[in-house]
Protein backbone atom coordinates (compact mmCIF):
# COMPACT_ATOMS: atom_id res chain seq x y z
CA MET A 1 16.47 26.46 -10.55
CA LYS A 2 14.75 23.03 -10.83
CA LYS A 3 17.63 21.26 -9.31
CA THR A 4 17.12 23.79 -6.52
CA ILE A 5 13.72 22.83 -5.49
CA PHE A 6 14.27 19.51 -6.07
CA SER A 7 16.94 19.08 -3.18
CA LEU A 8 14.58 21.69 -0.75
CA VAL A 9 11.94 18.91 -1.45
CA LEU A 10 13.62 15.60 -0.73
CA THR A 11 15.87 17.71 2.28
CA THR A 12 12.28 18.58 4.04
CA CYS A 13 10.50 14.90 3.34
CA SER A 14 13.60 13.40 4.31
CA LEU A 15 13.44 15.61 7.86
CA PHE A 16 10.12 14.59 8.41
CA ALA A 17 10.64 10.93 7.73
CA PHE A 18 12.55 10.39 10.74
CA GLN A 19 9.55 11.36 13.20
CA TYR A 20 7.75 8.14 11.34
CA ASP A 21 7.99 4.91 10.16
CA ALA A 22 8.86 5.57 6.94
CA LYS A 23 9.60 3.25 4.39
CA PHE A 24 10.06 2.92 0.10
CA TYR A 25 7.28 2.02 -1.81
CA MET A 26 6.07 1.39 -5.12
CA GLY A 27 2.51 1.98 -6.96
CA LEU A 28 0.86 1.17 -9.81
CA GLY A 29 -1.96 2.47 -11.75
CA GLY A 30 -4.20 4.64 -13.87
CA GLY A 31 -7.03 6.61 -15.05
CA VAL A 32 -8.55 9.17 -17.17
CA GLN A 33 -7.73 12.96 -18.54
CA HIS A 34 -9.53 15.52 -19.54
CA GLU A 35 -7.12 18.03 -21.32
CA LYS A 36 -8.35 21.64 -22.51
CA PHE A 37 -5.80 23.88 -24.36
CA THR A 38 -5.76 27.65 -24.34
CA ASN A 39 -6.17 28.02 -27.70
CA GLU A 40 -9.03 30.17 -29.51
CA THR A 41 -11.03 26.90 -29.99
CA GLY A 42 -10.32 25.39 -26.67
CA THR A 43 -9.23 22.12 -27.72
CA LYS A 44 -10.10 19.22 -26.26
CA ASN A 45 -8.67 15.79 -25.09
CA THR A 46 -9.50 13.00 -23.15
CA PRO A 47 -6.44 10.00 -23.05
CA ALA A 48 -6.11 7.50 -20.69
CA PHE A 49 -2.81 7.13 -18.66
CA GLY A 50 -0.72 5.08 -16.53
CA ALA A 51 1.58 5.69 -13.85
CA LEU A 52 4.32 4.26 -12.15
CA LYS A 53 5.75 5.44 -8.47
CA PHE A 54 8.36 5.24 -6.57
CA GLY A 55 8.02 6.94 -3.18
CA TYR A 56 9.56 7.37 0.59
CA GLY A 57 7.39 8.12 3.78
CA ASP A 58 4.92 7.43 5.75
CA ARG A 59 1.14 6.58 4.55
CA ARG A 60 0.30 8.41 7.50
CA ALA A 61 2.26 11.18 7.15
CA TYR A 62 4.61 12.76 4.81
CA ALA A 63 6.33 11.11 1.85
CA VAL A 64 7.74 12.27 -1.38
CA GLU A 65 7.33 10.45 -4.86
CA PHE A 66 9.13 9.80 -8.52
CA VAL A 67 6.04 9.28 -10.53
CA LEU A 68 6.48 7.99 -14.17
CA ASN A 69 4.08 8.74 -16.90
CA TYR A 70 2.55 7.45 -19.92
CA ILE A 71 -0.26 8.92 -21.57
CA ASP A 72 -1.84 7.25 -24.28
CA ASN A 73 -2.55 10.64 -26.41
CA LYS A 74 -4.39 10.96 -29.66
CA SER A 75 -4.71 14.42 -30.84
CA ASN A 76 -3.58 16.54 -33.33
CA ILE A 77 -3.29 20.22 -32.04
CA PHE A 78 0.37 20.13 -32.82
CA SER A 79 0.45 17.73 -36.12
CA ASN A 80 -1.82 15.89 -37.45
CA ASN A 81 -0.70 12.71 -35.30
CA ASP A 82 0.14 13.79 -32.17
CA LYS A 83 1.02 10.41 -30.43
CA ARG A 84 1.99 9.43 -26.89
CA ARG A 85 4.00 11.05 -24.29
CA TYR A 86 6.23 10.31 -21.23
CA GLY A 87 6.78 12.12 -18.20
CA MET A 88 8.14 12.47 -14.57
CA ASP A 89 6.82 14.34 -11.93
CA VAL A 90 8.27 14.88 -8.70
CA MET A 91 5.95 15.28 -5.62
CA PHE A 92 5.28 15.96 -2.21
CA VAL A 93 2.37 14.05 -0.39
CA LYS A 94 1.26 14.98 2.98
CA ALA A 95 -1.55 12.28 4.40
CA TYR A 96 -3.35 12.85 7.99
CA ASN A 97 -3.61 9.90 10.22
CA ILE A 98 -7.40 10.24 11.18
CA SER A 99 -8.56 6.71 10.49
CA LYS A 100 -6.96 3.17 10.44
CA TYR A 101 -9.33 2.61 7.22
CA VAL A 102 -8.45 6.17 5.29
CA TYR A 103 -5.63 8.11 5.12
CA PRO A 104 -6.80 11.94 3.06
CA LEU A 105 -4.17 13.13 1.32
CA ILE A 106 -2.62 16.29 -0.37
CA ARG A 107 -0.36 16.18 -3.34
CA ALA A 108 1.88 18.85 -4.90
CA GLY A 109 4.93 18.84 -7.32
CA PHE A 110 5.86 19.49 -10.76
CA GLY A 111 6.69 17.46 -13.87
CA ALA A 112 8.10 17.49 -17.51
CA GLY A 113 8.16 15.25 -20.17
CA GLU A 114 7.75 15.24 -24.01
CA MET A 115 5.21 14.10 -26.44
CA ARG A 116 5.66 12.04 -29.96
CA VAL A 117 4.53 14.59 -32.85
CA GLN A 118 4.60 13.34 -36.39
CA ARG A 119 6.26 16.82 -38.04
CA THR A 120 8.80 18.13 -40.57
CA LEU A 121 11.54 18.81 -38.88
CA GLU A 122 10.37 17.65 -35.44
CA ASN A 123 9.46 14.39 -34.23
CA LYS A 124 9.03 15.42 -30.42
CA ILE A 125 7.70 18.34 -28.56
CA ALA A 126 8.78 18.80 -24.55
CA TYR A 127 6.53 20.03 -21.76
CA SER A 128 6.05 20.83 -18.28
CA SER A 129 3.51 21.20 -15.30
CA TYR A 130 2.54 22.59 -11.96
CA ASN A 131 0.00 19.86 -10.25
CA LEU A 132 -1.84 19.74 -7.07
CA GLY A 133 -4.45 17.19 -6.05
CA ALA A 134 -6.60 15.55 -3.41
CA GLY A 135 -7.37 11.80 -2.44
CA ALA A 136 -7.08 8.86 -0.13
CA PHE A 137 -4.98 6.00 1.16
CA PHE A 138 -6.76 2.65 2.07
CA PRO A 139 -4.89 0.37 3.56
CA LEU A 140 -5.28 -3.46 3.01
CA GLY A 141 -2.70 -4.68 5.25
CA GLU A 142 0.64 -4.07 6.32
CA HIS A 143 2.19 -3.30 2.95
CA PHE A 144 -0.36 -2.79 0.56
CA ASP A 145 -2.45 -0.34 0.03
CA PHE A 146 -4.99 1.16 -2.21
CA GLU A 147 -4.83 5.15 -3.55
CA ALA A 148 -7.27 7.06 -5.42
CA ASN A 149 -6.66 10.55 -6.24
CA TYR A 150 -8.00 13.69 -8.02
CA GLU A 151 -4.91 15.55 -9.91
CA TYR A 152 -4.84 19.08 -11.75
CA ARG A 153 -2.25 20.02 -14.00
CA PHE A 154 -1.45 23.27 -15.45
CA THR A 155 0.64 22.55 -18.40
CA SER A 156 3.00 24.48 -20.84
CA TYR A 157 4.28 23.14 -24.25
CA GLU A 158 6.98 24.10 -26.36
CA SER A 159 6.50 26.27 -28.71
CA VAL A 160 6.07 25.79 -31.99
CA ASP A 161 7.21 27.41 -35.13
CA LEU A 162 4.42 28.00 -38.15
CA ILE A 163 4.83 29.29 -41.32
CA ALA A 164 3.29 32.54 -40.20
CA GLU A 165 3.24 32.67 -36.18
CA LYS A 166 4.63 30.58 -33.24
CA LEU A 167 2.34 28.31 -31.57
CA LYS A 168 2.95 28.66 -27.74
CA LEU A 169 -0.01 26.32 -25.72
CA GLN A 170 -0.84 25.70 -22.49
CA SER A 171 -3.59 23.65 -21.24
CA HIS A 172 -5.36 22.80 -17.99
CA ILE A 173 -5.80 19.34 -17.02
CA ASN A 174 -8.26 17.29 -14.58
CA GLN A 175 -7.12 13.61 -13.72
CA ILE A 176 -8.64 10.53 -11.81
CA TYR A 177 -6.41 8.19 -10.36
CA LEU A 178 -6.69 4.80 -9.14
CA GLY A 179 -3.42 2.41 -8.34
CA ILE A 180 -2.12 -0.33 -5.80
CA ASN A 181 0.86 0.64 -4.03
CA TYR A 182 3.18 -1.92 -2.04
CA ARG A 183 5.64 -0.44 1.15
CA PHE A 184 8.56 -2.80 1.90
């Protein structure tokens, strides 16, 4: 299923890219996120994160991005010492050409990754997410632009076996991202 969705997103972006001045680009940035879990106590987590982006598209129109994430997780939800998370997202970006100084955008996509934990028989837990966000590109010349985004993520974690029950958690994540992109 994920391969089919990925193929459809890539094909759609390729068709739109021929109409515009599409280019490859790389981005680097980070920010902070607020995560609220769906357990009875409503546990919260507020780690910093970093992202490395690889994209293809036009900053005034459409793009597809592959985003590698590092989240400096420091919670104790799944074990006494949950550790960092690594993930990858595939995002579809639609920007609007309303001014040469700012290009508002919307983003949608999905992601997956794993989180390191300290448990007896497990050392990692997988997760997946559906992502939706809004922000803007601020051009800094022909090749560079500054990017600011807000993103909402609905995340679902792998089930964990406890002594008396199975723990199946989901969370709602709100992220603020700031970064810079270089377009080739």
